[in-house]
Amino acid sequence: MNIKASIIQSFARWILGGVPFASMKRIVADWNNEDLTGVQKREQVLREFALLGYALSGWLMNLGLELAVAWLKNQGQARE
């Protein structure tokens, strides 16, 4: 894992907690593989976050989504 991915993960764990962020990363990664628009993926991800029962405020869920996307993108760059 590169330094940028490490910083993103550390920040997310600090803000969100390790287990919720791990779940969020999995959900984002799963939906990232679907043939949908970005808006459709976002809607599905947020729906799953709600189904999992996360009692996070809207801005915190959006932060988690954006951090998970940034982390996922960084993982792809690290493998290239």
C-alpha atoms as a PDB file:
ATOM      1  CA  MET A   1       0.000   0.000   0.000  1.00  0.00           C
ATOM      2  CA  ASN A   2       1.429   3.394  -0.935  1.00  0.00           C
ATOM      3  CA  ILE A   3       1.644   6.385   1.405  1.00  0.00           C
ATOM      4  CA  LYS A   4      -1.438   8.134  -0.027  1.00  0.00           C
ATOM      5  CA  ALA A   5      -3.596   5.024   0.456  1.00  0.00           C
ATOM      6  CA  SER A   6      -2.222   4.642   4.000  1.00  0.00           C
ATOM      7  CA  ILE A   7      -3.117   8.233   4.865  1.00  0.00           C
ATOM      8  CA  ILE A   8      -6.636   7.847   3.442  1.00  0.00           C
ATOM      9  CA  GLN A   9      -7.161   4.618   5.379  1.00  0.00           C
ATOM     10  CA  SER A  10      -5.785   6.061   8.646  1.00  0.00           C
ATOM     11  CA  PHE A  11      -7.971   9.162   8.362  1.00  0.00           C
ATOM     12  CA  ALA A  12     -11.055   7.099   7.573  1.00  0.00           C
ATOM     13  CA  ARG A  13     -10.427   4.754  10.499  1.00  0.00           C
ATOM     14  CA  TRP A  14     -10.000   7.740  12.806  1.00  0.00           C
ATOM     15  CA  ILE A  15     -13.209   9.448  11.606  1.00  0.00           C
ATOM     16  CA  LEU A  16     -15.404   6.415  10.888  1.00  0.00           C
ATOM     17  CA  GLY A  17     -13.896   3.528  12.823  1.00  0.00           C
ATOM     18  CA  GLY A  18     -12.168   0.502  11.308  1.00  0.00           C
ATOM     19  CA  VAL A  19     -15.122  -1.865  10.911  1.00  0.00           C
ATOM     20  CA  PRO A  20     -17.544   0.613   9.298  1.00  0.00           C
ATOM     21  CA  PHE A  21     -14.876   1.813   6.842  1.00  0.00           C
ATOM     22  CA  ALA A  22     -13.936  -1.766   5.928  1.00  0.00           C
ATOM     23  CA  SER A  23     -17.605  -2.441   5.155  1.00  0.00           C
ATOM     24  CA  MET A  24     -17.890   0.787   3.171  1.00  0.00           C
ATOM     25  CA  LYS A  25     -14.805  -0.081   1.099  1.00  0.00           C
ATOM     26  CA  ARG A  26     -16.262  -3.503   0.309  1.00  0.00           C
ATOM     27  CA  ILE A  27     -19.597  -2.036  -0.765  1.00  0.00           C
ATOM     28  CA  VAL A  28     -17.943   0.640  -2.928  1.00  0.00           C
ATOM     29  CA  ALA A  29     -15.623  -1.938  -4.507  1.00  0.00           C
ATOM     30  CA  ASP A  30     -18.548  -4.272  -5.248  1.00  0.00           C
ATOM     31  CA  TRP A  31     -20.604  -1.541  -6.932  1.00  0.00           C
ATOM     32  CA  ASN A  32     -17.557  -0.174  -8.765  1.00  0.00           C
ATOM     33  CA  ASN A  33     -17.565  -3.335 -10.901  1.00  0.00           C
ATOM     34  CA  GLU A  34     -21.158  -2.789 -12.067  1.00  0.00           C
ATOM     35  CA  ASP A  35     -21.953  -1.310 -15.492  1.00  0.00           C
ATOM     36  CA  LEU A  36     -23.788   1.748 -14.140  1.00  0.00           C
ATOM     37  CA  THR A  37     -23.282   5.505 -14.232  1.00  0.00           C
ATOM     38  CA  GLY A  38     -21.479   7.165 -11.331  1.00  0.00           C
ATOM     39  CA  VAL A  39     -24.767   8.593 -10.071  1.00  0.00           C
ATOM     40  CA  GLN A  40     -26.428   5.155 -10.179  1.00  0.00           C
ATOM     41  CA  LYS A  41     -23.486   3.572  -8.339  1.00  0.00           C
ATOM     42  CA  ARG A  42     -23.639   6.301  -5.692  1.00  0.00           C
ATOM     43  CA  GLU A  43     -27.377   5.743  -5.170  1.00  0.00           C
ATOM     44  CA  GLN A  44     -26.881   1.995  -4.762  1.00  0.00           C
ATOM     45  CA  VAL A  45     -23.930   2.446  -2.397  1.00  0.00           C
ATOM     46  CA  LEU A  46     -25.871   4.867  -0.199  1.00  0.00           C
ATOM     47  CA  ARG A  47     -28.868   2.493  -0.231  1.00  0.00           C
ATOM     48  CA  GLU A  48     -26.633  -0.333   0.995  1.00  0.00           C
ATOM     49  CA  PHE A  49     -25.088   1.889   3.664  1.00  0.00           C
ATOM     50  CA  ALA A  50     -28.617   2.586   4.938  1.00  0.00           C
ATOM     51  CA  LEU A  51     -29.573  -1.103   4.766  1.00  0.00           C
ATOM     52  CA  LEU A  52     -26.575  -1.985   6.906  1.00  0.00           C
ATOM     53  CA  GLY A  53     -28.000   0.292   9.550  1.00  0.00           C
ATOM     54  CA  TYR A  54     -25.218   2.815   9.804  1.00  0.00           C
ATOM     55  CA  ALA A  55     -26.544   5.608  11.954  1.00  0.00           C
ATOM     56  CA  LEU A  56     -24.158   8.120  10.416  1.00  0.00           C
ATOM     57  CA  SER A  57     -25.207  11.577   9.381  1.00  0.00           C
ATOM     58  CA  GLY A  58     -25.465  12.320   5.664  1.00  0.00           C
ATOM     59  CA  TRP A  59     -22.176  14.164   5.446  1.00  0.00           C
ATOM     60  CA  LEU A  60     -20.341  11.377   7.232  1.00  0.00           C
ATOM     61  CA  MET A  61     -21.726   8.759   4.831  1.00  0.00           C
ATOM     62  CA  ASN A  62     -20.670  10.938   1.905  1.00  0.00           C
ATOM     63  CA  LEU A  63     -17.213  11.316   3.429  1.00  0.00           C
ATOM     64  CA  GLY A  64     -16.960   7.550   3.822  1.00  0.00           C
ATOM     65  CA  LEU A  65     -18.030   7.032   0.223  1.00  0.00           C
ATOM     66  CA  GLU A  66     -15.489   9.533  -1.105  1.00  0.00           C
ATOM     67  CA  LEU A  67     -12.686   8.122   1.052  1.00  0.00           C
ATOM     68  CA  ALA A  68     -13.504   4.579  -0.060  1.00  0.00           C
ATOM     69  CA  VAL A  69     -13.448   5.674  -3.722  1.00  0.00           C
ATOM     70  CA  ALA A  70     -10.121   7.471  -3.216  1.00  0.00           C
ATOM     71  CA  TRP A  71      -8.694   4.420  -1.453  1.00  0.00           C
ATOM     72  CA  LEU A  72      -9.911   2.108  -4.238  1.00  0.00           C
ATOM     73  CA  LYS A  73      -8.429   4.348  -6.955  1.00  0.00           C
ATOM     74  CA  ASN A  74      -5.130   4.411  -5.095  1.00  0.00           C
ATOM     75  CA  GLN A  75      -5.081   0.641  -4.863  1.00  0.00           C
ATOM     76  CA  GLY A  76      -5.389   0.454  -8.643  1.00  0.00           C
ATOM     77  CA  GLN A  77      -2.497   2.877  -9.096  1.00  0.00           C
ATOM     78  CA  ALA A  78      -0.337   0.924  -6.677  1.00  0.00           C
ATOM     79  CA  ARG A  79      -0.775  -2.262  -8.757  1.00  0.00           C
ATOM     80  CA  GLU A  80       0.187  -0.639 -12.066  1.00  0.00           C
END
